Protein backbone atom coordinates (compact mmCIF):
# COMPACT_ATOMS: atom_id res chain seq x y z
CA UNK A 1 0.00 0.00 0.00
CA UNK A 2 1.33 3.43 -0.91
CA UNK A 3 2.23 5.62 2.05
CA UNK A 4 1.08 9.24 1.89
CA UNK A 5 3.17 10.90 4.63
CA UNK A 6 6.94 10.91 5.09
CA UNK A 7 7.54 9.25 8.46
CA UNK A 8 10.19 10.27 10.99
CA UNK A 9 10.43 6.67 12.24
CA UNK A 10 12.44 4.78 9.72
CA UNK A 11 13.71 1.28 9.15
CA UNK A 12 17.42 0.58 9.50
CA UNK A 13 19.63 -0.32 6.57
CA UNK A 14 19.66 -3.90 7.93
CA UNK A 15 15.83 -3.92 7.89
CA UNK A 16 15.85 -2.84 4.24
CA UNK A 17 18.53 -5.38 3.25
CA UNK A 18 16.46 -8.15 4.90
CA UNK A 19 13.43 -7.45 2.69
CA UNK A 20 12.37 -10.14 0.26
CA UNK A 21 10.72 -9.41 -3.03
CA UNK A 22 10.04 -5.94 -4.46
CA UNK A 23 9.78 -2.78 -2.35
CA UNK A 24 9.89 0.98 -2.85
CA UNK A 25 11.84 3.35 -0.61
CA UNK A 26 10.98 7.05 -1.02
CA UNK A 27 13.01 9.80 0.66
CA UNK A 28 11.82 13.39 1.15
CA UNK A 29 9.99 15.66 3.58
CA UNK A 30 6.38 16.67 3.99
CA UNK A 31 7.21 20.38 3.52
CA UNK A 32 9.38 19.98 0.38
CA UNK A 33 7.85 21.60 -2.71
CA UNK A 34 9.55 19.13 -5.07
CA UNK A 35 8.22 16.24 -2.97
CA UNK A 36 4.66 17.58 -3.01
CA UNK A 37 4.83 18.22 -6.78
CA UNK A 38 5.99 14.64 -7.41
CA UNK A 39 3.20 12.97 -5.42
CA UNK A 40 0.62 12.78 -8.25
CA UNK A 41 3.21 11.12 -10.53
CA UNK A 42 4.24 8.66 -7.83
CA UNK A 43 0.60 7.84 -7.05
CA UNK A 44 -0.23 7.36 -10.72
CA UNK A 45 2.67 4.95 -11.29
CA UNK A 46 2.02 3.13 -8.01
CA UNK A 47 -1.64 2.35 -8.81
CA UNK A 48 -0.66 -0.60 -10.98
CA UNK A 49 1.69 -1.97 -8.30
CA UNK A 50 -0.33 -1.39 -5.12
CA UNK A 51 0.70 -4.65 -3.38
CA UNK A 52 4.39 -3.64 -3.41
CA UNK A 53 5.48 -2.33 0.02
CA UNK A 54 6.20 1.40 0.08
CA UNK A 55 8.39 3.07 2.71
CA UNK A 56 8.05 6.85 2.74
CA UNK A 57 10.98 8.05 4.84
CA UNK A 58 11.56 11.57 6.13
CA UNK A 59 15.10 12.57 5.25
CA UNK A 60 17.45 15.30 6.41
CA UNK A 61 20.60 15.98 8.42
CA UNK A 62 21.45 13.14 10.78
CA UNK A 63 19.09 10.70 9.07
CA UNK A 64 21.19 7.58 8.63
CA UNK A 65 19.09 5.70 6.08
CA UNK A 66 19.19 8.54 3.57
CA UNK A 67 22.95 8.81 3.98
CA UNK A 68 23.34 5.05 3.57
CA UNK A 69 21.60 5.33 0.20
CA UNK A 70 23.53 8.52 -0.71
CA UNK A 71 20.37 10.57 -1.15
CA UNK A 72 21.21 14.11 -2.23
CA UNK A 73 17.94 15.50 -3.65
CA UNK A 74 14.29 15.04 -2.72
CA UNK A 75 12.26 13.19 -3.53
CA UNK A 76 14.41 10.19 -4.33
CA UNK A 77 12.51 6.99 -5.09
CA UNK A 78 14.56 3.80 -4.82
CA UNK A 79 13.26 0.53 -6.24
CA UNK A 80 14.45 -2.55 -4.34
CA UNK A 81 14.43 -6.25 -5.10
CA UNK A 82 15.33 -8.52 -2.19
CA UNK A 83 16.77 -5.55 -0.29
CA UNK A 84 19.07 -4.41 -3.10
CA UNK A 85 18.72 -1.27 -5.19
CA UNK A 86 17.67 -2.01 -8.76
CA UNK A 87 16.68 1.47 -9.93
CA UNK A 88 16.32 5.02 -8.67
CA UNK A 89 14.41 8.09 -9.81
CA UNK A 90 15.26 11.54 -8.47
CA UNK A 91 12.65 14.31 -8.58
CA UNK A 92 10.20 12.49 -10.84
CA UNK A 93 8.19 14.79 -13.07
CA UNK A 94 6.25 12.08 -14.87
CA UNK A 95 4.84 8.66 -14.04
CA UNK A 96 6.62 6.85 -16.89
CA UNK A 97 10.08 7.14 -15.30
CA UNK A 98 8.68 5.55 -12.16
CA UNK A 99 6.91 2.79 -14.07
CA UNK A 100 10.27 1.65 -15.45
CA UNK A 101 11.47 1.14 -11.88
CA UNK A 102 8.35 -0.82 -10.98
CA UNK A 103 8.80 -3.05 -14.03
CA UNK A 104 12.43 -3.78 -13.05
CA UNK A 105 11.50 -4.93 -9.54
CA UNK A 106 8.35 -6.78 -10.61
CA UNK A 107 10.01 -9.09 -13.10
CA UNK A 108 12.16 -12.04 -12.16
PDB file of N, CA and C in Angstrom:
ATOM      1  N   UNK A   1       0.843  -1.184   0.000  1.00  0.00           N
ATOM      2  CA  UNK A   1       0.000   0.000   0.000  1.00  0.00           C
ATOM      3  C   UNK A   1       0.884   1.241   0.000  1.00  0.00           C
ATOM      4  N   UNK A   2       0.540   2.209  -0.811  1.00  0.00           N
ATOM      5  CA  UNK A   2       1.331   3.429  -0.910  1.00  0.00           C
ATOM      6  C   UNK A   2       1.138   4.310   0.321  1.00  0.00           C
ATOM      7  N   UNK A   3       2.249   4.690   0.920  1.00  0.00           N
ATOM      8  CA  UNK A   3       2.230   5.617   2.050  1.00  0.00           C
ATOM      9  C   UNK A   3       1.970   7.022   1.520  1.00  0.00           C
ATOM     10  N   UNK A   4       1.377   7.885   2.345  1.00  0.00           N
ATOM     11  CA  UNK A   4       1.079   9.244   1.895  1.00  0.00           C
ATOM     12  C   UNK A   4       1.829  10.317   2.675  1.00  0.00           C
ATOM     13  N   UNK A   5       2.464   9.938   3.781  1.00  0.00           N
ATOM     14  CA  UNK A   5       3.166  10.899   4.629  1.00  0.00           C
ATOM     15  C   UNK A   5       4.585  10.387   4.879  1.00  0.00           C
ATOM     16  N   UNK A   6       5.562  11.276   4.742  1.00  0.00           N
ATOM     17  CA  UNK A   6       6.937  10.907   5.091  1.00  0.00           C
ATOM     18  C   UNK A   6       7.003  10.711   6.601  1.00  0.00           C
ATOM     19  N   UNK A   7       7.534   9.591   7.039  1.00  0.00           N
ATOM     20  CA  UNK A   7       7.542   9.253   8.460  1.00  0.00           C
ATOM     21  C   UNK A   7       8.918   9.455   9.069  1.00  0.00           C
ATOM     22  N   UNK A   8       8.939  10.044  10.266  1.00  0.00           N
ATOM     23  CA  UNK A   8      10.187  10.269  10.987  1.00  0.00           C
ATOM     24  C   UNK A   8      10.792   8.943  11.441  1.00  0.00           C
ATOM     25  N   UNK A   9       9.931   7.995  11.877  1.00  0.00           N
ATOM     26  CA  UNK A   9      10.426   6.672  12.242  1.00  0.00           C
ATOM     27  C   UNK A   9      10.820   5.976  10.956  1.00  0.00           C
ATOM     28  N   UNK A  10      11.996   5.410  10.954  1.00  0.00           N
ATOM     29  CA  UNK A  10      12.441   4.783   9.719  1.00  0.00           C
ATOM     30  C   UNK A  10      13.097   3.445   9.991  1.00  0.00           C
ATOM     31  N   UNK A  11      13.038   2.563   8.997  1.00  0.00           N
ATOM     32  CA  UNK A  11      13.714   1.285   9.149  1.00  0.00           C
ATOM     33  C   UNK A  11      15.233   1.496   9.122  1.00  0.00           C
ATOM     34  N   UNK A  12      15.967   0.518   9.591  1.00  0.00           N
ATOM     35  CA  UNK A  12      17.419   0.576   9.500  1.00  0.00           C
ATOM     36  C   UNK A  12      17.851   0.024   8.146  1.00  0.00           C
ATOM     37  N   UNK A  13      19.091   0.245   7.819  1.00  0.00           N
ATOM     38  CA  UNK A  13      19.626  -0.321   6.573  1.00  0.00           C
ATOM     39  C   UNK A  13      19.524  -1.842   6.619  1.00  0.00           C
ATOM     40  N   UNK A  14      19.775  -2.447   7.782  1.00  0.00           N
ATOM     41  CA  UNK A  14      19.662  -3.898   7.928  1.00  0.00           C
ATOM     42  C   UNK A  14      18.230  -4.365   7.679  1.00  0.00           C
ATOM     43  N   UNK A  15      17.238  -3.578   8.147  1.00  0.00           N
ATOM     44  CA  UNK A  15      15.827  -3.916   7.886  1.00  0.00           C
ATOM     45  C   UNK A  15      15.554  -3.938   6.390  1.00  0.00           C
ATOM     46  N   UNK A  16      16.070  -2.946   5.690  1.00  0.00           N
ATOM     47  CA  UNK A  16      15.851  -2.845   4.237  1.00  0.00           C
ATOM     48  C   UNK A  16      16.544  -4.008   3.525  1.00  0.00           C
ATOM     49  N   UNK A  17      17.778  -4.293   3.895  1.00  0.00           N
ATOM     50  CA  UNK A  17      18.525  -5.376   3.249  1.00  0.00           C
ATOM     51  C   UNK A  17      17.887  -6.738   3.504  1.00  0.00           C
ATOM     52  N   UNK A  18      17.120  -6.879   4.573  1.00  0.00           N
ATOM     53  CA  UNK A  18      16.463  -8.146   4.898  1.00  0.00           C
ATOM     54  C   UNK A  18      15.139  -8.344   4.150  1.00  0.00           C
ATOM     55  N   UNK A  19      14.683  -7.325   3.429  1.00  0.00           N
ATOM     56  CA  UNK A  19      13.426  -7.451   2.695  1.00  0.00           C
ATOM     57  C   UNK A  19      13.537  -8.513   1.608  1.00  0.00           C
ATOM     58  N   UNK A  20      12.425  -9.205   1.373  1.00  0.00           N
ATOM     59  CA  UNK A  20      12.373 -10.143   0.260  1.00  0.00           C
ATOM     60  C   UNK A  20      11.333  -9.654  -0.724  1.00  0.00           C
ATOM     61  N   UNK A  21      11.626  -9.851  -1.992  1.00  0.00           N
ATOM     62  CA  UNK A  21      10.718  -9.406  -3.033  1.00  0.00           C
ATOM     63  C   UNK A  21      10.887  -7.923  -3.316  1.00  0.00           C
ATOM     64  N   UNK A  22       9.948  -7.353  -4.083  1.00  0.00           N
ATOM     65  CA  UNK A  22      10.041  -5.944  -4.456  1.00  0.00           C
ATOM     66  C   UNK A  22       9.596  -5.020  -3.325  1.00  0.00           C
ATOM     67  N   UNK A  23      10.173  -3.820  -3.298  1.00  0.00           N
ATOM     68  CA  UNK A  23       9.776  -2.779  -2.346  1.00  0.00           C
ATOM     69  C   UNK A  23      10.214  -1.437  -2.908  1.00  0.00           C
ATOM     70  N   UNK A  24       9.566  -0.381  -2.425  1.00  0.00           N
ATOM     71  CA  UNK A  24       9.890   0.984  -2.846  1.00  0.00           C
ATOM     72  C   UNK A  24      10.239   1.792  -1.611  1.00  0.00           C
ATOM     73  N   UNK A  25      11.344   2.509  -1.694  1.00  0.00           N
ATOM     74  CA  UNK A  25      11.836   3.353  -0.613  1.00  0.00           C
ATOM     75  C   UNK A  25      11.869   4.782  -1.154  1.00  0.00           C
ATOM     76  N   UNK A  26      11.081   5.661  -0.548  1.00  0.00           N
ATOM     77  CA  UNK A  26      10.979   7.050  -1.021  1.00  0.00           C
ATOM     78  C   UNK A  26      11.485   7.986   0.071  1.00  0.00           C
ATOM     79  N   UNK A  27      12.437   8.837  -0.280  1.00  0.00           N
ATOM     80  CA  UNK A  27      13.008   9.804   0.658  1.00  0.00           C
ATOM     81  C   UNK A  27      12.548  11.210   0.307  1.00  0.00           C
ATOM     82  N   UNK A  28      12.215  11.998   1.335  1.00  0.00           N
ATOM     83  CA  UNK A  28      11.815  13.387   1.147  1.00  0.00           C
ATOM     84  C   UNK A  28      11.339  13.957   2.464  1.00  0.00           C
ATOM     85  N   UNK A  29      10.611  15.070   2.394  1.00  0.00           N
ATOM     86  CA  UNK A  29       9.994  15.661   3.578  1.00  0.00           C
ATOM     87  C   UNK A  29       8.592  16.119   3.216  1.00  0.00           C
ATOM     88  N   UNK A  30       7.759  16.247   4.228  1.00  0.00           N
ATOM     89  CA  UNK A  30       6.376  16.666   3.991  1.00  0.00           C
ATOM     90  C   UNK A  30       6.272  18.125   3.560  1.00  0.00           C
ATOM     91  N   UNK A  31       7.268  18.958   3.861  1.00  0.00           N
ATOM     92  CA  UNK A  31       7.212  20.375   3.522  1.00  0.00           C
ATOM     93  C   UNK A  31       7.921  20.718   2.206  1.00  0.00           C
ATOM     94  N   UNK A  32       8.589  19.754   1.599  1.00  0.00           N
ATOM     95  CA  UNK A  32       9.378  19.983   0.379  1.00  0.00           C
ATOM     96  C   UNK A  32       8.461  20.194  -0.831  1.00  0.00           C
ATOM     97  N   UNK A  33       8.650  21.300  -1.521  1.00  0.00           N
ATOM     98  CA  UNK A  33       7.849  21.601  -2.708  1.00  0.00           C
ATOM     99  C   UNK A  33       8.048  20.584  -3.821  1.00  0.00           C
ATOM    100  N   UNK A  34       9.281  20.140  -4.043  1.00  0.00           N
ATOM    101  CA  UNK A  34       9.547  19.129  -5.066  1.00  0.00           C
ATOM    102  C   UNK A  34       8.848  17.823  -4.714  1.00  0.00           C
ATOM    103  N   UNK A  35       8.869  17.478  -3.424  1.00  0.00           N
ATOM    104  CA  UNK A  35       8.215  16.241  -2.966  1.00  0.00           C
ATOM    105  C   UNK A  35       6.714  16.308  -3.191  1.00  0.00           C
ATOM    106  N   UNK A  36       6.118  17.430  -2.825  1.00  0.00           N
ATOM    107  CA  UNK A  36       4.664  17.584  -3.013  1.00  0.00           C
ATOM    108  C   UNK A  36       4.303  17.552  -4.495  1.00  0.00           C
ATOM    109  N   UNK A  37       5.120  18.192  -5.342  1.00  0.00           N
ATOM    110  CA  UNK A  37       4.834  18.218  -6.779  1.00  0.00           C
ATOM    111  C   UNK A  37       4.936  16.827  -7.408  1.00  0.00           C
ATOM    112  N   UNK A  38       5.788  15.976  -6.856  1.00  0.00           N
ATOM    113  CA  UNK A  38       5.988  14.638  -7.415  1.00  0.00           C
ATOM    114  C   UNK A  38       4.906  13.650  -7.007  1.00  0.00           C
ATOM    115  N   UNK A  39       4.156  13.941  -5.959  1.00  0.00           N
ATOM    116  CA  UNK A  39       3.201  12.967  -5.419  1.00  0.00           C
ATOM    117  C   UNK A  39       2.168  12.473  -6.434  1.00  0.00           C
ATOM    118  N   UNK A  40       1.580  13.319  -7.275  1.00  0.00           N
ATOM    119  CA  UNK A  40       0.620  12.783  -8.252  1.00  0.00           C
ATOM    120  C   UNK A  40       1.263  11.783  -9.220  1.00  0.00           C
ATOM    121  N   UNK A  41       2.513  12.027  -9.620  1.00  0.00           N
ATOM    122  CA  UNK A  41       3.212  11.122 -10.534  1.00  0.00           C
ATOM    123  C   UNK A  41       3.514   9.791  -9.841  1.00  0.00           C
ATOM    124  N   UNK A  42       3.948   9.878  -8.593  1.00  0.00           N
ATOM    125  CA  UNK A  42       4.245   8.663  -7.828  1.00  0.00           C
ATOM    126  C   UNK A  42       2.961   7.858  -7.630  1.00  0.00           C
ATOM    127  N   UNK A  43       1.885   8.522  -7.262  1.00  0.00           N
ATOM    128  CA  UNK A  43       0.603   7.835  -7.052  1.00  0.00           C
ATOM    129  C   UNK A  43       0.100   7.195  -8.339  1.00  0.00           C
ATOM    130  N   UNK A  44       0.233   7.896  -9.442  1.00  0.00           N
ATOM    131  CA  UNK A  44      -0.233   7.364 -10.725  1.00  0.00           C
ATOM    132  C   UNK A  44       0.546   6.097 -11.093  1.00  0.00           C
ATOM    133  N   UNK A  45       1.856   6.126 -10.955  1.00  0.00           N
ATOM    134  CA  UNK A  45       2.671   4.954 -11.288  1.00  0.00           C
ATOM    135  C   UNK A  45       2.409   3.811 -10.312  1.00  0.00           C
ATOM    136  N   UNK A  46       2.179   4.144  -9.046  1.00  0.00           N
ATOM    137  CA  UNK A  46       2.016   3.133  -8.009  1.00  0.00           C
ATOM    138  C   UNK A  46       0.691   2.375  -8.124  1.00  0.00           C
ATOM    139  N   UNK A  47      -0.303   2.985  -8.721  1.00  0.00           N
ATOM    140  CA  UNK A  47      -1.636   2.348  -8.807  1.00  0.00           C
ATOM    141  C   UNK A  47      -1.579   0.928  -9.352  1.00  0.00           C
ATOM    142  N   UNK A  48      -0.753   0.720 -10.354  1.00  0.00           N
ATOM    143  CA  UNK A  48      -0.664  -0.604 -10.979  1.00  0.00           C
ATOM    144  C   UNK A  48       0.110  -1.605 -10.115  1.00  0.00           C
ATOM    145  N   UNK A  49       0.806  -1.127  -9.102  1.00  0.00           N
ATOM    146  CA  UNK A  49       1.691  -1.974  -8.305  1.00  0.00           C
ATOM    147  C   UNK A  49       1.370  -1.859  -6.816  1.00  0.00           C
ATOM    148  N   UNK A  50       0.108  -1.656  -6.492  1.00  0.00           N
ATOM    149  CA  UNK A  50      -0.325  -1.394  -5.118  1.00  0.00           C
ATOM    150  C   UNK A  50       0.142  -2.420  -4.082  1.00  0.00           C
ATOM    151  N   UNK A  51       0.265  -3.700  -4.413  1.00  0.00           N
ATOM    152  CA  UNK A  51       0.702  -4.654  -3.379  1.00  0.00           C
ATOM    153  C   UNK A  51       2.174  -4.501  -2.957  1.00  0.00           C
ATOM    154  N   UNK A  52       2.967  -3.784  -3.730  1.00  0.00           N
ATOM    155  CA  UNK A  52       4.393  -3.638  -3.408  1.00  0.00           C
ATOM    156  C   UNK A  52       4.545  -2.729  -2.191  1.00  0.00           C
ATOM    157  N   UNK A  53       5.278  -3.165  -1.167  1.00  0.00           N
ATOM    158  CA  UNK A  53       5.485  -2.327   0.024  1.00  0.00           C
ATOM    159  C   UNK A  53       6.163  -1.001  -0.333  1.00  0.00           C
ATOM    160  N   UNK A  54       5.709   0.046   0.332  1.00  0.00           N
ATOM    161  CA  UNK A  54       6.203   1.404   0.080  1.00  0.00           C
ATOM    162  C   UNK A  54       6.619   2.019   1.413  1.00  0.00           C
ATOM    163  N   UNK A  55       7.869   2.412   1.512  1.00  0.00           N
ATOM    164  CA  UNK A  55       8.389   3.067   2.708  1.00  0.00           C
ATOM    165  C   UNK A  55       8.653   4.522   2.361  1.00  0.00           C
ATOM    166  N   UNK A  56       7.922   5.412   2.996  1.00  0.00           N
ATOM    167  CA  UNK A  56       8.053   6.848   2.742  1.00  0.00           C
ATOM    168  C   UNK A  56       8.799   7.429   3.938  1.00  0.00           C
ATOM    169  N   UNK A  57      10.079   7.737   3.742  1.00  0.00           N
ATOM    170  CA  UNK A  57      10.981   8.054   4.837  1.00  0.00           C
ATOM    171  C   UNK A  57      11.357   9.532   4.833  1.00  0.00           C
ATOM    172  N   UNK A  58      11.137  10.178   5.974  1.00  0.00           N
ATOM    173  CA  UNK A  58      11.560  11.566   6.129  1.00  0.00           C
ATOM    174  C   UNK A  58      13.087  11.603   6.155  1.00  0.00           C
ATOM    175  N   UNK A  59      13.653  12.480   5.350  1.00  0.00           N
ATOM    176  CA  UNK A  59      15.103  12.570   5.248  1.00  0.00           C
ATOM    177  C   UNK A  59      15.574  13.931   5.725  1.00  0.00           C
ATOM    178  N   UNK A  60      16.862  14.040   5.979  1.00  0.00           N
ATOM    179  CA  UNK A  60      17.449  15.298   6.408  1.00  0.00           C
ATOM    180  C   UNK A  60      18.742  15.053   7.158  1.00  0.00           C
ATOM    181  N   UNK A  61      19.343  16.117   7.687  1.00  0.00           N
ATOM    182  CA  UNK A  61      20.600  15.976   8.424  1.00  0.00           C
ATOM    183  C   UNK A  61      20.457  14.979   9.580  1.00  0.00           C
ATOM    184  N   UNK A  62      21.451  14.114   9.702  1.00  0.00           N
ATOM    185  CA  UNK A  62      21.446  13.141  10.784  1.00  0.00           C
ATOM    186  C   UNK A  62      20.582  11.913  10.539  1.00  0.00           C
ATOM    187  N   UNK A  63      19.929  11.854   9.395  1.00  0.00           N
ATOM    188  CA  UNK A  63      19.091  10.696   9.067  1.00  0.00           C
ATOM    189  C   UNK A  63      19.953   9.648   8.381  1.00  0.00           C
ATOM    190  N   UNK A  64      20.212   8.557   9.078  1.00  0.00           N
ATOM    191  CA  UNK A  64      21.189   7.576   8.628  1.00  0.00           C
ATOM    192  C   UNK A  64      20.783   6.823   7.365  1.00  0.00           C
ATOM    193  N   UNK A  65      19.507   6.496   7.230  1.00  0.00           N
ATOM    194  CA  UNK A  65      19.089   5.701   6.082  1.00  0.00           C
ATOM    195  C   UNK A  65      19.297   6.467   4.775  1.00  0.00           C
ATOM    196  N   UNK A  66      18.956   7.737   4.768  1.00  0.00           N
ATOM    197  CA  UNK A  66      19.187   8.544   3.574  1.00  0.00           C
ATOM    198  C   UNK A  66      20.657   8.640   3.220  1.00  0.00           C
ATOM    199  N   UNK A  67      21.509   8.748   4.238  1.00  0.00           N
ATOM    200  CA  UNK A  67      22.948   8.814   3.981  1.00  0.00           C
ATOM    201  C   UNK A  67      23.462   7.468   3.468  1.00  0.00           C
ATOM    202  N   UNK A  68      22.922   6.376   4.009  1.00  0.00           N
ATOM    203  CA  UNK A  68      23.344   5.045   3.573  1.00  0.00           C
ATOM    204  C   UNK A  68      23.046   4.835   2.085  1.00  0.00           C
ATOM    205  N   UNK A  69      21.961   5.444   1.605  1.00  0.00           N
ATOM    206  CA  UNK A  69      21.599   5.329   0.196  1.00  0.00           C
ATOM    207  C   UNK A  69      22.098   6.514  -0.633  1.00  0.00           C
ATOM    208  N   UNK A  70      22.915   7.363  -0.028  1.00  0.00           N
ATOM    209  CA  UNK A  70      23.526   8.524  -0.710  1.00  0.00           C
ATOM    210  C   UNK A  70      22.491   9.424  -1.380  1.00  0.00           C
ATOM    211  N   UNK A  71      21.413   9.684  -0.663  1.00  0.00           N
ATOM    212  CA  UNK A  71      20.372  10.569  -1.150  1.00  0.00           C
ATOM    213  C   UNK A  71      20.875  12.008  -1.071  1.00  0.00           C
ATOM    214  N   UNK A  72      20.749  12.725  -2.177  1.00  0.00           N
ATOM    215  CA  UNK A  72      21.207  14.111  -2.234  1.00  0.00           C
ATOM    216  C   UNK A  72      20.064  15.085  -2.523  1.00  0.00           C
ATOM    217  N   UNK A  73      19.069  14.643  -3.292  1.00  0.00           N
ATOM    218  CA  UNK A  73      17.937  15.496  -3.653  1.00  0.00           C
ATOM    219  C   UNK A  73      16.637  14.787  -3.292  1.00  0.00           C
ATOM    220  N   UNK A  74      15.616  15.583  -3.027  1.00  0.00           N
ATOM    221  CA  UNK A  74      14.291  15.035  -2.716  1.00  0.00           C
ATOM    222  C   UNK A  74      13.315  15.372  -3.824  1.00  0.00           C
ATOM    223  N   UNK A  75      12.326  14.554  -4.017  1.00  0.00           N
ATOM    224  CA  UNK A  75      12.260  13.191  -3.527  1.00  0.00           C
ATOM    225  C   UNK A  75      13.179  12.270  -4.333  1.00  0.00           C
ATOM    226  N   UNK A  76      13.666  11.267  -3.674  1.00  0.00           N
ATOM    227  CA  UNK A  76      14.413  10.189  -4.329  1.00  0.00           C
ATOM    228  C   UNK A  76      13.628   8.912  -4.075  1.00  0.00           C
ATOM    229  N   UNK A  77      13.275   8.232  -5.163  1.00  0.00           N
ATOM    230  CA  UNK A  77      12.512   6.992  -5.087  1.00  0.00           C
ATOM    231  C   UNK A  77      13.453   5.855  -5.490  1.00  0.00           C
ATOM    232  N   UNK A  78      13.655   4.916  -4.577  1.00  0.00           N
ATOM    233  CA  UNK A  78      14.561   3.796  -4.818  1.00  0.00           C
ATOM    234  C   UNK A  78      13.741   2.519  -4.913  1.00  0.00           C
ATOM    235  N   UNK A  79      13.972   1.789  -5.988  1.00  0.00           N
ATOM    236  CA  UNK A  79      13.265   0.535  -6.240  1.00  0.00           C
ATOM    237  C   UNK A  79      14.173  -0.612  -5.817  1.00  0.00           C
ATOM    238  N   UNK A  80      13.662  -1.464  -4.937  1.00  0.00           N
ATOM    239  CA  UNK A  80      14.446  -2.546  -4.344  1.00  0.00           C
ATOM    240  C   UNK A  80      13.903  -3.910  -4.739  1.00  0.00           C
ATOM    241  N   UNK A  81      14.803  -4.844  -4.899  1.00  0.00           N
ATOM    242  CA  UNK A  81      14.431  -6.251  -5.104  1.00  0.00           C
ATOM    243  C   UNK A  81      15.278  -7.052  -4.129  1.00  0.00           C
ATOM    244  N   UNK A  82      14.635  -7.749  -3.220  1.00  0.00           N
ATOM    245  CA  UNK A  82      15.331  -8.523  -2.186  1.00  0.00           C
ATOM    246  C   UNK A  82      16.343  -7.666  -1.429  1.00  0.00           C
ATOM    247  N   UNK A  83      15.947  -6.441  -1.107  1.00  0.00           N
ATOM    248  CA  UNK A  83      16.767  -5.554  -0.294  1.00  0.00           C
ATOM    249  C   UNK A  83      17.899  -4.850  -1.017  1.00  0.00           C
ATOM    250  N   UNK A  84      17.998  -5.042  -2.330  1.00  0.00           N
ATOM    251  CA  UNK A  84      19.070  -4.413  -3.101  1.00  0.00           C
ATOM    252  C   UNK A  84      18.485  -3.414  -4.100  1.00  0.00           C
ATOM    253  N   UNK A  85      19.176  -2.301  -4.245  1.00  0.00           N
ATOM    254  CA  UNK A  85      18.723  -1.270  -5.187  1.00  0.00           C
ATOM    255  C   UNK A  85      18.837  -1.770  -6.616  1.00  0.00           C
ATOM    256  N   UNK A  86      17.728  -1.612  -7.355  1.00  0.00           N
ATOM    257  CA  UNK A  86      17.675  -2.010  -8.759  1.00  0.00           C
ATOM    258  C   UNK A  86      17.569  -0.771  -9.646  1.00  0.00           C
ATOM    259  N   UNK A  87      16.859   0.246  -9.158  1.00  0.00           N
ATOM    260  CA  UNK A  87      16.676   1.473  -9.931  1.00  0.00           C
ATOM    261  C   UNK A  87      16.402   2.611  -8.963  1.00  0.00           C
ATOM    262  N   UNK A  88      16.565   3.827  -9.480  1.00  0.00           N
ATOM    263  CA  UNK A  88      16.318   5.021  -8.666  1.00  0.00           C
ATOM    264  C   UNK A  88      15.833   6.131  -9.595  1.00  0.00           C
ATOM    265  N   UNK A  89      14.900   6.920  -9.079  1.00  0.00           N
ATOM    266  CA  UNK A  89      14.406   8.093  -9.810  1.00  0.00           C
ATOM    267  C   UNK A  89      14.477   9.271  -8.842  1.00  0.00           C
ATOM    268  N   UNK A  90      15.116  10.339  -9.285  1.00  0.00           N
ATOM    269  CA  UNK A  90      15.262  11.537  -8.468  1.00  0.00           C
ATOM    270  C   UNK A  90      14.369  12.632  -9.059  1.00  0.00           C
ATOM    271  N   UNK A  91      13.581  13.251  -8.194  1.00  0.00           N
ATOM    272  CA  UNK A  91      12.653  14.313  -8.581  1.00  0.00           C
ATOM    273  C   UNK A  91      11.814  13.946  -9.808  1.00  0.00           C
ATOM    274  N   UNK A  92      11.014  12.907  -9.688  1.00  0.00           N
ATOM    275  CA  UNK A  92      10.204  12.488 -10.843  1.00  0.00           C
ATOM    276  C   UNK A  92       9.214  13.574 -11.250  1.00  0.00           C
ATOM    277  N   UNK A  93       9.143  13.803 -12.557  1.00  0.00           N
ATOM    278  CA  UNK A  93       8.191  14.788 -13.067  1.00  0.00           C
ATOM    279  C   UNK A  93       7.202  14.172 -14.053  1.00  0.00           C
ATOM    280  N   UNK A  94       7.218  12.825 -14.076  1.00  0.00           N
ATOM    281  CA  UNK A  94       6.251  12.075 -14.874  1.00  0.00           C
ATOM    282  C   UNK A  94       6.165  10.651 -14.342  1.00  0.00           C
ATOM    283  N   UNK A  95       5.043  10.019 -14.559  1.00  0.00           N
ATOM    284  CA  UNK A  95       4.836   8.663 -14.042  1.00  0.00           C
ATOM    285  C   UNK A  95       5.649   7.624 -14.798  1.00  0.00           C
ATOM    286  N   UNK A  96       5.930   7.852 -16.086  1.00  0.00           N
ATOM    287  CA  UNK A  96       6.622   6.851 -16.889  1.00  0.00           C
ATOM    288  C   UNK A  96       7.995   6.482 -16.343  1.00  0.00           C
ATOM    289  N   UNK A  97       8.757   7.435 -15.866  1.00  0.00           N
ATOM    290  CA  UNK A  97      10.080   7.142 -15.305  1.00  0.00           C
ATOM    291  C   UNK A  97       9.952   6.214 -14.102  1.00  0.00           C
ATOM    292  N   UNK A  98       8.922   6.400 -13.330  1.00  0.00           N
ATOM    293  CA  UNK A  98       8.678   5.552 -12.162  1.00  0.00           C
ATOM    294  C   UNK A  98       8.208   4.160 -12.578  1.00  0.00           C
ATOM    295  N   UNK A  99       7.402   4.093 -13.608  1.00  0.00           N
ATOM    296  CA  UNK A  99       6.911   2.790 -14.074  1.00  0.00           C
ATOM    297  C   UNK A  99       8.070   1.880 -14.468  1.00  0.00           C
ATOM    298  N   UNK A 100       9.107   2.453 -15.083  1.00  0.00           N
ATOM    299  CA  UNK A 100      10.272   1.651 -15.455  1.00  0.00           C
ATOM    300  C   UNK A 100      10.880   0.981 -14.222  1.00  0.00           C
ATOM    301  N   UNK A 101      10.960   1.711 -13.128  1.00  0.00           N
ATOM    302  CA  UNK A 101      11.474   1.141 -11.881  1.00  0.00           C
ATOM    303  C   UNK A 101      10.593   0.021 -11.375  1.00  0.00           C
ATOM    304  N   UNK A 102       9.278   0.225 -11.425  1.00  0.00           N
ATOM    305  CA  UNK A 102       8.353  -0.818 -10.985  1.00  0.00           C
ATOM    306  C   UNK A 102       8.489  -2.073 -11.842  1.00  0.00           C
ATOM    307  N   UNK A 103       8.645  -1.895 -13.148  1.00  0.00           N
ATOM    308  CA  UNK A 103       8.803  -3.052 -14.034  1.00  0.00           C
ATOM    309  C   UNK A 103      10.074  -3.820 -13.667  1.00  0.00           C
ATOM    310  N   UNK A 104      11.158  -3.110 -13.382  1.00  0.00           N
ATOM    311  CA  UNK A 104      12.428  -3.781 -13.051  1.00  0.00           C
ATOM    312  C   UNK A 104      12.324  -4.609 -11.780  1.00  0.00           C
ATOM    313  N   UNK A 105      11.581  -4.157 -10.782  1.00  0.00           N
ATOM    314  CA  UNK A 105      11.497  -4.929  -9.539  1.00  0.00           C
ATOM    315  C   UNK A 105      10.379  -5.967  -9.562  1.00  0.00           C
ATOM    316  N   UNK A 106       9.491  -5.851 -10.529  1.00  0.00           N
ATOM    317  CA  UNK A 106       8.347  -6.777 -10.608  1.00  0.00           C
ATOM    318  C   UNK A 106       8.644  -8.000 -11.444  1.00  0.00           C
ATOM    319  N   UNK A 107       9.673  -7.948 -12.256  1.00  0.00           N
ATOM    320  CA  UNK A 107      10.007  -9.093 -13.104  1.00  0.00           C
ATOM    321  C   UNK A 107      11.111  -9.900 -12.438  1.00  0.00           C
ATOM    322  N   UNK A 108      11.141 -11.168 -12.756  1.00  0.00           N
ATOM    323  CA  UNK A 108      12.157 -12.038 -12.158  1.00  0.00           C
ATOM    324  C   UNK A 108      13.368 -12.187 -13.030  1.00  0.00           C
TER     325      UNK A 108
END
